[in-house]
């Protein structure tokens, strides 16, 4: 109970947000924590890339460049057409773009990928790396995959079927999202999509109080 006598209501998403914030703060080691926290939560609200160090060594040398939305877009344009791609093909393109070998190994391990892999799953894990949270990962995914030229930033959209696959996969990999929450999210966004030719928009979930991705 608060001093006003009214019960204190803790938003259900707060523990997850604070947990991820703590992990990212430990990973990044900012010199000014308060200033960094301001940038962090501003990016979180706006669906932008979080100011998080993903690797301990940020020196730019061959095969240590960080993954960016632009680089992931380039990879998607080159590899998505066949659906299934070889690990060798992904590794060759990854290294030609100067990306860090340790991140590639991490994504391969998390995805349990063998010699052949489903590109869209690799792509989803790349978005997860960019976003830090499932919501931000899905925001990045929609911006890169935007299926409607009339859907302009800060919005973007994909078919409901694509959204459902990507979200269900990332939620399963995360292992902290309950099946009930996944089902509620999918049911809500499916209803939204039916009203607009089967499309899901970033604005349907990024600041919505009716849907929580993770």
N, C-alpha and C. Protein backbone atom coordinates (compact mmCIF):
# COMPACT_ATOMS: atom_id res chain seq x y z
N UNK A 1 0.84 -1.20 0.00
CA UNK A 1 0.00 0.00 0.00
C UNK A 1 0.88 1.26 0.00
N UNK A 2 0.49 2.28 -0.73
CA UNK A 2 1.23 3.53 -0.74
C UNK A 2 0.78 4.40 0.42
N UNK A 3 1.47 5.54 0.64
CA UNK A 3 1.11 6.42 1.74
C UNK A 3 -0.23 7.10 1.52
N UNK A 4 -0.74 7.03 0.27
CA UNK A 4 -2.05 7.64 -0.02
C UNK A 4 -3.19 6.68 0.30
N UNK A 5 -2.83 5.44 0.61
CA UNK A 5 -3.85 4.45 0.90
C UNK A 5 -4.30 3.67 -0.30
N UNK A 6 -3.83 4.05 -1.50
CA UNK A 6 -4.20 3.33 -2.70
C UNK A 6 -3.19 2.22 -2.98
N UNK A 7 -3.65 1.08 -3.48
CA UNK A 7 -2.72 -0.02 -3.77
C UNK A 7 -1.77 0.36 -4.89
N UNK A 8 -0.52 -0.06 -4.76
CA UNK A 8 0.48 0.19 -5.78
C UNK A 8 0.37 -0.89 -6.85
N UNK A 9 0.16 -0.47 -8.09
CA UNK A 9 0.03 -1.42 -9.20
C UNK A 9 1.34 -1.45 -9.98
N UNK A 10 1.97 -2.61 -10.03
CA UNK A 10 3.22 -2.76 -10.76
C UNK A 10 2.91 -3.28 -12.16
N UNK A 11 3.24 -2.52 -13.20
CA UNK A 11 3.00 -2.99 -14.57
C UNK A 11 3.66 -4.34 -14.80
N UNK A 12 2.98 -5.27 -15.42
CA UNK A 12 3.53 -6.62 -15.59
C UNK A 12 4.81 -6.65 -16.42
N UNK A 13 5.01 -5.66 -17.30
CA UNK A 13 6.21 -5.66 -18.13
C UNK A 13 7.43 -5.08 -17.43
N UNK A 14 7.23 -4.43 -16.25
CA UNK A 14 8.34 -3.74 -15.58
C UNK A 14 9.50 -4.67 -15.21
N UNK A 15 9.27 -5.84 -14.59
CA UNK A 15 10.40 -6.70 -14.22
C UNK A 15 11.27 -7.08 -15.42
N UNK A 16 10.63 -7.41 -16.54
CA UNK A 16 11.39 -7.79 -17.73
C UNK A 16 12.22 -6.64 -18.28
N UNK A 17 11.62 -5.43 -18.28
CA UNK A 17 12.34 -4.25 -18.78
C UNK A 17 13.56 -3.96 -17.91
N UNK A 18 13.37 -4.01 -16.59
CA UNK A 18 14.47 -3.73 -15.67
C UNK A 18 15.55 -4.80 -15.73
N UNK A 19 15.13 -6.05 -15.94
CA UNK A 19 16.11 -7.14 -16.06
C UNK A 19 16.99 -6.93 -17.28
N UNK A 20 16.36 -6.60 -18.41
CA UNK A 20 17.13 -6.38 -19.64
C UNK A 20 18.00 -5.14 -19.52
N UNK A 21 17.48 -4.08 -18.88
CA UNK A 21 18.25 -2.86 -18.68
C UNK A 21 19.51 -3.15 -17.86
N UNK A 22 19.36 -3.95 -16.82
CA UNK A 22 20.50 -4.29 -15.96
C UNK A 22 21.55 -5.07 -16.74
N UNK A 23 21.10 -6.05 -17.54
CA UNK A 23 22.03 -6.83 -18.36
C UNK A 23 22.80 -5.93 -19.33
N UNK A 24 22.07 -5.01 -19.98
CA UNK A 24 22.69 -4.13 -20.97
C UNK A 24 23.64 -3.14 -20.31
N UNK A 25 23.30 -2.69 -19.10
CA UNK A 25 24.18 -1.76 -18.38
C UNK A 25 25.49 -2.44 -17.99
N UNK A 26 25.38 -3.70 -17.55
CA UNK A 26 26.59 -4.46 -17.18
C UNK A 26 27.45 -4.71 -18.41
N UNK A 27 26.80 -5.01 -19.54
CA UNK A 27 27.52 -5.28 -20.77
C UNK A 27 28.22 -4.03 -21.31
N UNK A 28 27.55 -2.87 -21.18
CA UNK A 28 28.04 -1.64 -21.78
C UNK A 28 29.04 -0.90 -20.90
N UNK A 29 28.84 -0.97 -19.56
CA UNK A 29 29.73 -0.27 -18.63
C UNK A 29 29.83 1.22 -18.94
N UNK A 30 28.71 1.97 -18.98
CA UNK A 30 28.76 3.39 -19.33
C UNK A 30 29.47 4.21 -18.26
N UNK A 31 30.18 5.25 -18.70
CA UNK A 31 30.88 6.11 -17.74
C UNK A 31 29.89 6.92 -16.92
N UNK A 32 28.84 7.42 -17.55
CA UNK A 32 27.80 8.17 -16.86
C UNK A 32 26.50 7.37 -16.95
N UNK A 33 26.18 6.64 -15.90
CA UNK A 33 25.04 5.73 -15.93
C UNK A 33 23.72 6.47 -16.15
N UNK A 34 23.54 7.63 -15.50
CA UNK A 34 22.28 8.35 -15.63
C UNK A 34 22.08 8.89 -17.05
N UNK A 35 23.14 9.43 -17.63
CA UNK A 35 23.04 9.94 -19.00
C UNK A 35 22.76 8.79 -19.96
N UNK A 36 23.46 7.66 -19.76
CA UNK A 36 23.27 6.50 -20.62
C UNK A 36 21.85 5.94 -20.47
N UNK A 37 21.34 5.93 -19.23
CA UNK A 37 19.99 5.42 -18.99
C UNK A 37 18.95 6.27 -19.72
N UNK A 38 19.19 7.57 -19.77
CA UNK A 38 18.27 8.47 -20.50
C UNK A 38 18.24 8.12 -21.98
N UNK A 39 19.44 7.91 -22.56
CA UNK A 39 19.53 7.54 -23.98
C UNK A 39 18.91 6.16 -24.21
N UNK A 40 19.13 5.26 -23.27
CA UNK A 40 18.64 3.89 -23.38
C UNK A 40 17.11 3.85 -23.44
N UNK A 41 16.46 4.51 -22.46
CA UNK A 41 15.01 4.43 -22.39
C UNK A 41 14.34 5.28 -23.48
N UNK A 42 15.02 6.33 -23.92
CA UNK A 42 14.50 7.11 -25.05
C UNK A 42 14.48 6.25 -26.31
N UNK A 43 15.56 5.49 -26.54
CA UNK A 43 15.64 4.60 -27.70
C UNK A 43 14.61 3.48 -27.58
N UNK A 44 14.40 3.00 -26.36
CA UNK A 44 13.43 1.92 -26.13
C UNK A 44 12.02 2.37 -26.49
N UNK A 45 11.67 3.57 -26.07
CA UNK A 45 10.33 4.10 -26.33
C UNK A 45 10.13 4.35 -27.82
N UNK A 46 11.17 4.85 -28.49
CA UNK A 46 11.07 5.22 -29.90
C UNK A 46 11.34 4.06 -30.85
N UNK A 47 11.67 2.88 -30.29
CA UNK A 47 11.93 1.74 -31.15
C UNK A 47 13.23 1.82 -31.91
N UNK A 48 14.19 2.60 -31.40
CA UNK A 48 15.47 2.76 -32.07
C UNK A 48 16.49 1.77 -31.51
N UNK A 49 17.63 1.69 -32.18
CA UNK A 49 18.69 0.80 -31.73
C UNK A 49 19.21 1.26 -30.36
N UNK A 50 19.31 0.33 -29.42
CA UNK A 50 19.74 0.67 -28.07
C UNK A 50 21.24 0.96 -28.02
N UNK A 51 21.66 1.90 -27.15
CA UNK A 51 23.08 2.23 -27.04
C UNK A 51 23.83 1.20 -26.20
N UNK A 52 23.91 -0.03 -26.71
CA UNK A 52 24.46 -1.14 -25.94
C UNK A 52 25.68 -1.72 -26.64
N UNK A 53 26.76 -1.92 -25.87
CA UNK A 53 27.93 -2.59 -26.41
C UNK A 53 27.63 -4.08 -26.49
N UNK A 54 27.78 -4.67 -27.67
CA UNK A 54 27.49 -6.09 -27.85
C UNK A 54 28.73 -6.96 -27.72
N UNK A 55 29.89 -6.36 -27.86
CA UNK A 55 31.12 -7.12 -27.71
C UNK A 55 32.04 -6.34 -26.80
N UNK A 56 32.89 -7.00 -26.00
CA UNK A 56 33.77 -6.29 -25.08
C UNK A 56 34.82 -5.44 -25.76
N UNK A 57 35.21 -5.79 -26.98
CA UNK A 57 36.26 -5.05 -27.67
C UNK A 57 35.64 -4.31 -28.85
N UNK A 58 35.62 -3.00 -28.80
CA UNK A 58 34.98 -2.20 -29.84
C UNK A 58 35.98 -1.67 -30.87
N UNK A 59 37.25 -2.14 -30.81
CA UNK A 59 38.24 -1.70 -31.78
C UNK A 59 37.85 -2.26 -33.15
N UNK A 60 37.85 -1.39 -34.16
CA UNK A 60 37.44 -1.81 -35.49
C UNK A 60 38.63 -2.43 -36.22
N UNK A 61 38.65 -3.75 -36.29
CA UNK A 61 39.66 -4.49 -37.02
C UNK A 61 38.93 -5.50 -37.90
N UNK A 62 39.62 -6.15 -38.83
CA UNK A 62 38.93 -7.13 -39.69
C UNK A 62 38.16 -8.16 -38.87
N UNK A 63 36.91 -8.43 -39.28
CA UNK A 63 36.04 -9.41 -38.63
C UNK A 63 35.68 -9.04 -37.20
N UNK A 64 35.63 -7.74 -36.88
CA UNK A 64 35.16 -7.33 -35.56
C UNK A 64 34.14 -6.20 -35.66
N UNK A 65 33.66 -5.91 -36.87
CA UNK A 65 32.63 -4.89 -37.03
C UNK A 65 31.33 -5.36 -36.40
N UNK A 66 30.55 -4.42 -35.87
CA UNK A 66 29.29 -4.75 -35.23
C UNK A 66 28.18 -4.87 -36.26
N UNK A 67 27.19 -5.70 -35.96
CA UNK A 67 26.03 -5.84 -36.83
C UNK A 67 25.15 -4.60 -36.71
N UNK A 68 24.65 -4.11 -37.84
CA UNK A 68 23.78 -2.94 -37.86
C UNK A 68 22.55 -3.27 -38.70
N UNK A 69 21.46 -2.48 -38.57
CA UNK A 69 20.29 -2.72 -39.41
C UNK A 69 20.61 -2.68 -40.90
N UNK A 70 21.51 -1.78 -41.29
CA UNK A 70 21.87 -1.65 -42.70
C UNK A 70 22.58 -2.92 -43.20
N UNK A 71 23.48 -3.45 -42.38
CA UNK A 71 24.21 -4.65 -42.77
C UNK A 71 23.27 -5.86 -42.83
N UNK A 72 22.37 -5.95 -41.85
CA UNK A 72 21.42 -7.07 -41.84
C UNK A 72 20.48 -6.98 -43.04
N UNK A 73 20.13 -5.76 -43.43
CA UNK A 73 19.31 -5.56 -44.62
C UNK A 73 20.03 -6.07 -45.86
N UNK A 74 21.31 -5.76 -45.98
CA UNK A 74 22.12 -6.23 -47.10
C UNK A 74 22.17 -7.75 -47.14
N UNK A 75 22.37 -8.37 -45.99
CA UNK A 75 22.41 -9.83 -45.93
C UNK A 75 21.08 -10.43 -46.34
N UNK A 76 19.99 -9.82 -45.86
CA UNK A 76 18.66 -10.34 -46.18
C UNK A 76 18.40 -10.26 -47.69
N UNK A 77 18.78 -9.16 -48.30
CA UNK A 77 18.56 -8.98 -49.73
C UNK A 77 19.30 -10.03 -50.55
N UNK A 78 20.46 -10.45 -50.05
CA UNK A 78 21.28 -11.41 -50.79
C UNK A 78 20.91 -12.86 -50.52
N UNK A 79 20.34 -13.16 -49.34
CA UNK A 79 20.18 -14.56 -48.94
C UNK A 79 18.74 -15.05 -48.77
N UNK A 80 17.76 -14.16 -48.82
CA UNK A 80 16.41 -14.60 -48.45
C UNK A 80 15.68 -15.35 -49.56
N UNK A 81 16.11 -15.23 -50.79
CA UNK A 81 15.32 -15.72 -51.92
C UNK A 81 15.09 -17.23 -51.89
N UNK A 82 16.09 -18.00 -51.48
CA UNK A 82 15.96 -19.46 -51.50
C UNK A 82 15.38 -20.05 -50.22
N UNK A 83 15.22 -19.22 -49.19
CA UNK A 83 14.65 -19.72 -47.94
C UNK A 83 15.67 -20.45 -47.10
N UNK A 84 16.22 -21.55 -47.64
CA UNK A 84 17.25 -22.32 -46.95
C UNK A 84 18.61 -21.99 -47.56
N UNK A 85 19.58 -21.69 -46.71
CA UNK A 85 20.92 -21.36 -47.18
C UNK A 85 21.94 -22.20 -46.41
N UNK A 86 23.12 -22.30 -46.96
CA UNK A 86 24.16 -23.09 -46.31
C UNK A 86 24.90 -22.24 -45.28
N UNK A 87 25.39 -22.90 -44.25
CA UNK A 87 26.19 -22.22 -43.24
C UNK A 87 27.43 -21.60 -43.89
N UNK A 88 27.99 -22.30 -44.88
CA UNK A 88 29.17 -21.79 -45.57
C UNK A 88 28.87 -20.49 -46.30
N UNK A 89 27.69 -20.43 -46.94
CA UNK A 89 27.29 -19.23 -47.67
C UNK A 89 27.10 -18.04 -46.73
N UNK A 90 26.45 -18.29 -45.59
CA UNK A 90 26.23 -17.23 -44.60
C UNK A 90 27.57 -16.74 -44.05
N UNK A 91 28.45 -17.69 -43.71
CA UNK A 91 29.75 -17.34 -43.14
C UNK A 91 30.59 -16.52 -44.11
N UNK A 92 30.53 -16.89 -45.39
CA UNK A 92 31.31 -16.17 -46.40
C UNK A 92 30.84 -14.72 -46.52
N UNK A 93 29.52 -14.52 -46.59
CA UNK A 93 28.99 -13.16 -46.70
C UNK A 93 29.27 -12.38 -45.42
N UNK A 94 29.10 -13.04 -44.27
CA UNK A 94 29.34 -12.41 -42.96
C UNK A 94 30.75 -11.85 -42.89
N UNK A 95 31.72 -12.65 -43.28
CA UNK A 95 33.12 -12.23 -43.19
C UNK A 95 33.46 -11.18 -44.24
N UNK A 96 32.79 -11.25 -45.40
CA UNK A 96 33.05 -10.25 -46.43
C UNK A 96 32.58 -8.87 -45.99
N UNK A 97 31.62 -8.84 -45.07
CA UNK A 97 31.11 -7.58 -44.53
C UNK A 97 31.89 -7.13 -43.29
N UNK A 98 32.90 -7.91 -42.91
CA UNK A 98 33.77 -7.53 -41.80
C UNK A 98 33.14 -7.70 -40.44
N UNK A 99 32.15 -8.60 -40.30
CA UNK A 99 31.46 -8.77 -39.03
C UNK A 99 32.22 -9.70 -38.09
N UNK A 100 31.93 -9.56 -36.80
CA UNK A 100 32.67 -10.29 -35.77
C UNK A 100 32.38 -11.79 -35.81
N UNK A 101 33.44 -12.59 -35.81
CA UNK A 101 33.29 -14.04 -35.83
C UNK A 101 32.59 -14.57 -34.59
N UNK A 102 32.85 -13.95 -33.44
CA UNK A 102 32.25 -14.46 -32.20
C UNK A 102 30.73 -14.29 -32.21
N UNK A 103 30.23 -13.22 -32.83
CA UNK A 103 28.78 -13.02 -32.92
C UNK A 103 28.16 -14.07 -33.84
N UNK A 104 28.81 -14.36 -34.93
CA UNK A 104 28.31 -15.39 -35.85
C UNK A 104 28.22 -16.73 -35.12
N UNK A 105 29.25 -17.07 -34.38
CA UNK A 105 29.24 -18.33 -33.63
C UNK A 105 28.10 -18.34 -32.61
N UNK A 106 27.88 -17.20 -31.98
CA UNK A 106 26.81 -17.10 -30.98
C UNK A 106 25.44 -17.32 -31.61
N UNK A 107 25.19 -16.66 -32.75
CA UNK A 107 23.90 -16.82 -33.42
C UNK A 107 23.71 -18.25 -33.89
N UNK A 108 24.76 -18.85 -34.42
CA UNK A 108 24.68 -20.23 -34.88
C UNK A 108 24.37 -21.18 -33.72
N UNK A 109 24.96 -20.90 -32.57
CA UNK A 109 24.73 -21.75 -31.39
C UNK A 109 23.31 -21.58 -30.86
N UNK A 110 22.87 -20.33 -30.73
CA UNK A 110 21.52 -20.07 -30.21
C UNK A 110 20.47 -20.68 -31.13
N UNK A 111 20.68 -20.58 -32.44
CA UNK A 111 19.72 -21.11 -33.39
C UNK A 111 19.85 -22.60 -33.64
N UNK A 112 20.88 -23.23 -33.04
CA UNK A 112 21.13 -24.67 -33.24
C UNK A 112 21.19 -25.00 -34.73
N UNK A 113 21.85 -24.13 -35.50
CA UNK A 113 21.92 -24.31 -36.94
C UNK A 113 23.00 -25.31 -37.32
N UNK A 114 22.70 -26.11 -38.35
CA UNK A 114 23.67 -27.05 -38.88
C UNK A 114 24.26 -26.53 -40.17
N UNK A 115 24.60 -27.45 -41.07
CA UNK A 115 25.20 -27.05 -42.34
C UNK A 115 24.21 -26.30 -43.23
N UNK A 116 22.91 -26.59 -43.07
CA UNK A 116 21.86 -25.88 -43.78
C UNK A 116 20.98 -25.19 -42.75
N UNK A 117 20.56 -23.97 -43.04
CA UNK A 117 19.75 -23.24 -42.05
C UNK A 117 18.62 -22.48 -42.73
N UNK A 118 17.57 -22.27 -41.95
CA UNK A 118 16.42 -21.49 -42.40
C UNK A 118 16.81 -20.02 -42.28
N UNK A 119 16.95 -19.33 -43.41
CA UNK A 119 17.44 -17.95 -43.37
C UNK A 119 16.58 -17.06 -42.49
N UNK A 120 15.26 -17.19 -42.53
CA UNK A 120 14.39 -16.27 -41.80
C UNK A 120 14.61 -16.40 -40.30
N UNK A 121 15.01 -17.59 -39.83
CA UNK A 121 15.31 -17.77 -38.40
C UNK A 121 16.63 -17.07 -38.05
N UNK A 122 17.61 -17.20 -38.93
CA UNK A 122 18.87 -16.48 -38.71
C UNK A 122 18.61 -14.99 -38.69
N UNK A 123 17.80 -14.53 -39.64
CA UNK A 123 17.44 -13.12 -39.72
C UNK A 123 16.77 -12.66 -38.43
N UNK A 124 15.85 -13.47 -37.90
CA UNK A 124 15.14 -13.12 -36.66
C UNK A 124 16.12 -12.96 -35.50
N UNK A 125 17.09 -13.86 -35.40
CA UNK A 125 18.08 -13.77 -34.33
C UNK A 125 18.98 -12.55 -34.51
N UNK A 126 19.24 -12.19 -35.76
CA UNK A 126 19.99 -10.96 -36.02
C UNK A 126 19.23 -9.75 -35.54
N UNK A 127 17.93 -9.72 -35.78
CA UNK A 127 17.09 -8.62 -35.29
C UNK A 127 17.06 -8.60 -33.77
N UNK A 128 17.07 -9.78 -33.16
CA UNK A 128 17.08 -9.86 -31.70
C UNK A 128 18.36 -9.25 -31.14
N UNK A 129 19.47 -9.51 -31.81
CA UNK A 129 20.74 -8.92 -31.41
C UNK A 129 20.70 -7.40 -31.51
N UNK A 130 20.09 -6.88 -32.56
CA UNK A 130 19.98 -5.44 -32.75
C UNK A 130 19.07 -4.80 -31.71
N UNK A 131 17.97 -5.49 -31.37
CA UNK A 131 16.93 -4.87 -30.57
C UNK A 131 17.06 -4.97 -29.07
N UNK A 132 17.65 -6.05 -28.57
CA UNK A 132 17.77 -6.21 -27.12
C UNK A 132 16.52 -6.78 -26.47
N UNK A 133 15.34 -6.38 -26.94
CA UNK A 133 14.07 -6.92 -26.46
C UNK A 133 13.30 -7.46 -27.66
N UNK A 134 12.31 -8.32 -27.39
CA UNK A 134 11.52 -8.87 -28.50
C UNK A 134 10.79 -7.75 -29.24
N UNK A 135 10.26 -6.78 -28.50
CA UNK A 135 9.55 -5.68 -29.16
C UNK A 135 10.47 -4.92 -30.10
N UNK A 136 11.67 -4.60 -29.66
CA UNK A 136 12.59 -3.87 -30.52
C UNK A 136 13.08 -4.74 -31.68
N UNK A 137 13.26 -6.04 -31.41
CA UNK A 137 13.65 -6.96 -32.48
C UNK A 137 12.59 -7.00 -33.57
N UNK A 138 11.32 -7.07 -33.17
CA UNK A 138 10.24 -7.11 -34.15
C UNK A 138 10.12 -5.77 -34.89
N UNK A 139 10.42 -4.69 -34.20
CA UNK A 139 10.40 -3.37 -34.86
C UNK A 139 11.46 -3.33 -35.96
N UNK A 140 12.67 -3.79 -35.65
CA UNK A 140 13.73 -3.84 -36.66
C UNK A 140 13.32 -4.75 -37.82
N UNK A 141 12.72 -5.88 -37.50
CA UNK A 141 12.31 -6.84 -38.54
C UNK A 141 11.30 -6.20 -39.49
N UNK A 142 10.32 -5.49 -38.94
CA UNK A 142 9.30 -4.87 -39.79
C UNK A 142 9.90 -3.76 -40.65
N UNK A 143 10.83 -2.99 -40.10
CA UNK A 143 11.46 -1.94 -40.90
C UNK A 143 12.23 -2.54 -42.09
N UNK A 144 12.93 -3.65 -41.84
CA UNK A 144 13.73 -4.26 -42.90
C UNK A 144 12.86 -4.97 -43.93
N UNK A 145 11.78 -5.62 -43.45
CA UNK A 145 10.94 -6.42 -44.34
C UNK A 145 9.75 -5.65 -44.90
N UNK A 146 9.61 -4.39 -44.56
CA UNK A 146 8.41 -3.61 -44.90
C UNK A 146 7.79 -4.03 -46.24
N UNK A 147 6.56 -4.52 -46.16
CA UNK A 147 5.90 -5.11 -47.33
C UNK A 147 5.00 -4.14 -48.10
N UNK A 148 4.93 -2.91 -47.65
CA UNK A 148 4.01 -1.96 -48.27
C UNK A 148 4.72 -0.61 -48.44
N UNK A 149 4.93 -0.20 -49.67
CA UNK A 149 5.65 1.06 -49.93
C UNK A 149 4.90 2.28 -49.40
N UNK A 150 3.62 2.13 -49.17
CA UNK A 150 2.83 3.25 -48.63
C UNK A 150 2.95 3.35 -47.11
N UNK A 151 3.56 2.36 -46.51
CA UNK A 151 3.74 2.34 -45.05
C UNK A 151 5.10 2.97 -44.75
N UNK A 152 5.11 4.24 -44.39
CA UNK A 152 6.33 5.01 -44.24
C UNK A 152 6.78 5.10 -42.77
N UNK A 153 8.11 5.25 -42.53
CA UNK A 153 8.60 5.46 -41.18
C UNK A 153 7.91 6.66 -40.54
N UNK A 154 7.65 6.64 -39.23
CA UNK A 154 8.12 5.63 -38.27
C UNK A 154 7.32 4.34 -38.28
N UNK A 155 6.43 4.14 -39.25
CA UNK A 155 5.69 2.89 -39.32
C UNK A 155 6.30 1.98 -40.37
N UNK A 156 5.92 0.71 -40.33
CA UNK A 156 6.32 -0.29 -41.31
C UNK A 156 5.39 -1.46 -41.10
N UNK A 157 5.27 -2.33 -42.09
CA UNK A 157 4.33 -3.44 -41.92
C UNK A 157 4.76 -4.69 -42.66
N UNK A 158 4.27 -5.83 -42.18
CA UNK A 158 4.47 -7.13 -42.83
C UNK A 158 3.16 -7.89 -42.75
N UNK A 159 3.06 -8.98 -43.49
CA UNK A 159 1.86 -9.80 -43.39
C UNK A 159 1.76 -10.41 -42.00
N UNK A 160 0.53 -10.69 -41.59
CA UNK A 160 0.33 -11.29 -40.28
C UNK A 160 1.07 -12.62 -40.17
N UNK A 161 1.07 -13.42 -41.25
CA UNK A 161 1.73 -14.72 -41.22
C UNK A 161 3.22 -14.57 -40.94
N UNK A 162 3.86 -13.56 -41.57
CA UNK A 162 5.28 -13.31 -41.33
C UNK A 162 5.52 -12.87 -39.90
N UNK A 163 4.67 -11.96 -39.40
CA UNK A 163 4.80 -11.50 -38.03
C UNK A 163 4.67 -12.66 -37.06
N UNK A 164 3.64 -13.47 -37.26
CA UNK A 164 3.40 -14.59 -36.34
C UNK A 164 4.58 -15.53 -36.29
N UNK A 165 5.17 -15.84 -37.44
CA UNK A 165 6.31 -16.76 -37.47
C UNK A 165 7.50 -16.16 -36.72
N UNK A 166 7.85 -14.92 -37.04
CA UNK A 166 9.01 -14.29 -36.41
C UNK A 166 8.82 -14.14 -34.91
N UNK A 167 7.63 -13.66 -34.51
CA UNK A 167 7.38 -13.44 -33.08
C UNK A 167 7.37 -14.76 -32.32
N UNK A 168 6.70 -15.77 -32.84
CA UNK A 168 6.62 -17.06 -32.17
C UNK A 168 8.01 -17.68 -32.02
N UNK A 169 8.84 -17.52 -33.04
CA UNK A 169 10.19 -18.07 -32.99
C UNK A 169 11.03 -17.36 -31.94
N UNK A 170 11.02 -16.02 -31.94
CA UNK A 170 11.82 -15.28 -30.96
C UNK A 170 11.34 -15.52 -29.54
N UNK A 171 10.02 -15.62 -29.36
CA UNK A 171 9.48 -15.88 -28.02
C UNK A 171 9.90 -17.26 -27.53
N UNK A 172 9.93 -18.24 -28.44
CA UNK A 172 10.34 -19.58 -28.07
C UNK A 172 11.83 -19.61 -27.70
N UNK A 173 12.65 -18.89 -28.45
CA UNK A 173 14.08 -18.82 -28.16
C UNK A 173 14.32 -18.12 -26.83
N UNK A 174 13.53 -17.08 -26.56
CA UNK A 174 13.67 -16.30 -25.32
C UNK A 174 13.39 -17.14 -24.08
N UNK A 175 12.39 -18.02 -24.16
CA UNK A 175 12.01 -18.95 -23.09
C UNK A 175 11.45 -18.29 -21.84
N UNK A 176 11.26 -16.98 -21.88
CA UNK A 176 10.70 -16.29 -20.71
C UNK A 176 9.31 -15.75 -20.99
N UNK A 177 8.80 -16.01 -22.18
CA UNK A 177 7.46 -15.55 -22.55
C UNK A 177 6.52 -16.75 -22.49
N UNK A 178 5.47 -16.65 -21.71
CA UNK A 178 4.55 -17.77 -21.57
C UNK A 178 3.75 -18.00 -22.85
N UNK A 179 3.29 -19.22 -23.03
CA UNK A 179 2.48 -19.53 -24.20
C UNK A 179 1.18 -18.74 -24.18
N UNK A 180 0.64 -18.51 -22.98
CA UNK A 180 -0.61 -17.74 -22.87
C UNK A 180 -0.40 -16.32 -23.37
N UNK A 181 0.75 -15.73 -23.03
CA UNK A 181 1.04 -14.37 -23.49
C UNK A 181 1.24 -14.34 -25.00
N UNK A 182 1.92 -15.34 -25.53
CA UNK A 182 2.12 -15.44 -26.98
C UNK A 182 0.77 -15.53 -27.68
N UNK A 183 -0.10 -16.38 -27.16
CA UNK A 183 -1.42 -16.57 -27.78
C UNK A 183 -2.25 -15.29 -27.74
N UNK A 184 -2.20 -14.57 -26.60
CA UNK A 184 -2.96 -13.32 -26.49
C UNK A 184 -2.47 -12.29 -27.50
N UNK A 185 -1.15 -12.20 -27.62
CA UNK A 185 -0.56 -11.24 -28.57
C UNK A 185 -0.96 -11.57 -30.00
N UNK A 186 -0.84 -12.82 -30.37
CA UNK A 186 -1.15 -13.24 -31.74
C UNK A 186 -2.64 -13.03 -32.04
N UNK A 187 -3.49 -13.36 -31.08
CA UNK A 187 -4.93 -13.20 -31.29
C UNK A 187 -5.30 -11.74 -31.49
N UNK A 188 -4.72 -10.86 -30.66
CA UNK A 188 -5.01 -9.43 -30.76
C UNK A 188 -4.53 -8.87 -32.09
N UNK A 189 -3.30 -9.18 -32.47
CA UNK A 189 -2.75 -8.62 -33.70
C UNK A 189 -3.38 -9.23 -34.95
N UNK A 190 -3.85 -10.45 -34.85
CA UNK A 190 -4.57 -11.05 -35.98
C UNK A 190 -5.86 -10.28 -36.24
N UNK A 191 -6.55 -9.90 -35.16
CA UNK A 191 -7.78 -9.11 -35.32
C UNK A 191 -7.47 -7.75 -35.93
N UNK A 192 -6.37 -7.13 -35.50
CA UNK A 192 -5.96 -5.85 -36.07
C UNK A 192 -5.64 -5.99 -37.56
N UNK A 193 -4.95 -7.09 -37.89
CA UNK A 193 -4.53 -7.30 -39.27
C UNK A 193 -5.72 -7.52 -40.21
N UNK A 194 -6.74 -8.19 -39.72
CA UNK A 194 -7.90 -8.47 -40.57
C UNK A 194 -8.59 -7.19 -41.03
N UNK A 195 -8.41 -6.12 -40.28
CA UNK A 195 -9.04 -4.85 -40.63
C UNK A 195 -8.25 -4.08 -41.68
N UNK A 196 -7.05 -4.57 -42.03
CA UNK A 196 -6.22 -3.85 -43.01
C UNK A 196 -5.49 -4.81 -43.95
N UNK A 197 -6.25 -5.67 -44.58
CA UNK A 197 -5.72 -6.57 -45.61
C UNK A 197 -4.63 -7.50 -45.10
N UNK A 198 -4.75 -7.92 -43.85
CA UNK A 198 -3.84 -8.92 -43.33
C UNK A 198 -2.46 -8.43 -42.94
N UNK A 199 -2.30 -7.12 -42.71
CA UNK A 199 -0.99 -6.55 -42.39
C UNK A 199 -0.89 -6.17 -40.92
N UNK A 200 0.30 -6.36 -40.35
CA UNK A 200 0.61 -5.92 -38.99
C UNK A 200 1.59 -4.76 -39.09
N UNK A 201 1.31 -3.67 -38.36
CA UNK A 201 2.16 -2.49 -38.38
C UNK A 201 2.96 -2.35 -37.08
N UNK A 202 4.07 -1.65 -37.17
CA UNK A 202 4.85 -1.34 -35.97
C UNK A 202 3.98 -0.61 -34.95
N UNK A 203 3.15 0.30 -35.43
CA UNK A 203 2.30 1.09 -34.53
C UNK A 203 1.25 0.24 -33.82
N UNK A 204 1.03 -1.00 -34.28
CA UNK A 204 0.07 -1.87 -33.62
C UNK A 204 0.58 -2.35 -32.27
N UNK A 205 1.91 -2.36 -32.10
CA UNK A 205 2.45 -2.94 -30.87
C UNK A 205 3.51 -2.10 -30.17
N UNK A 206 4.17 -1.17 -30.87
CA UNK A 206 5.33 -0.54 -30.25
C UNK A 206 4.98 0.30 -29.04
N UNK A 207 3.85 1.00 -29.06
CA UNK A 207 3.45 1.81 -27.90
C UNK A 207 2.06 1.43 -27.40
N UNK A 208 1.59 0.26 -27.77
CA UNK A 208 0.25 -0.17 -27.39
C UNK A 208 0.22 -0.76 -25.98
N UNK A 209 -0.78 -0.37 -25.22
CA UNK A 209 -0.98 -0.94 -23.88
C UNK A 209 -1.78 -2.23 -23.94
N UNK A 210 -2.30 -2.55 -25.11
CA UNK A 210 -3.15 -3.73 -25.27
C UNK A 210 -2.36 -4.98 -25.67
N UNK A 211 -1.11 -4.80 -26.03
CA UNK A 211 -0.33 -5.94 -26.46
C UNK A 211 1.08 -5.83 -25.88
N UNK A 212 1.59 -6.96 -25.39
CA UNK A 212 2.94 -7.01 -24.81
C UNK A 212 3.66 -8.19 -25.43
N UNK A 213 4.74 -7.91 -26.15
CA UNK A 213 5.43 -8.96 -26.87
C UNK A 213 6.34 -9.81 -25.99
N UNK A 214 6.94 -9.20 -24.99
CA UNK A 214 7.88 -9.95 -24.17
C UNK A 214 8.14 -9.29 -22.85
